[in-house]
Amino acid sequence: MKFWDDLDYIGVDAYYPLAKQAGASVEDLIEGWEGPKKQIEKVHDEFEKPVVFPEIGYEALAGTAVRPYGGAEGPPDEGAQARAYQAAYVVWKDVDWFAGLYWWEWSATGEDDPYDPAGRPAEAVIKRNGGSR
């Protein structure tokens, strides 16, 4: 594509399934990132642009790492959301060509949105990891 040279970043909406079943540990989720990370790195290498996730998120539901793109199955599980957040930080924090991420979704209305990390353990994960790069 001719316009790639005009871009500063490559944006990837990072809703990759990281587990085959609910209850995955942080270590399992880190492993689950191996394939997607290789795919993203290939795109980075081809176009020589830093990568940003303009959208990444996990619901506070047991199956969030299985279906992060919405419709996760299972009971409420704030720990599953926090583990997925932590795995993302571990995988991407030291990648020099990775420019950062934006968590989906912070509710401005105070509605109970399953993606919203506010007031949940995932919010503490964000704070521990500096909130941004």
Foldseek 3Di string as FASTA:
>chain_A
DVCLVVDQEAEDQPFAQQDQFFDDALVSSLVSCVVVVVVVVVVCVVSVHAYEHAEFWFFQARQRSRGVVDDGDHHGHLPRRLSNLLSVCVNPVPDPSHQKYDYPDDDPVPDPDRGHCPPTNNVVSCVVSPVID
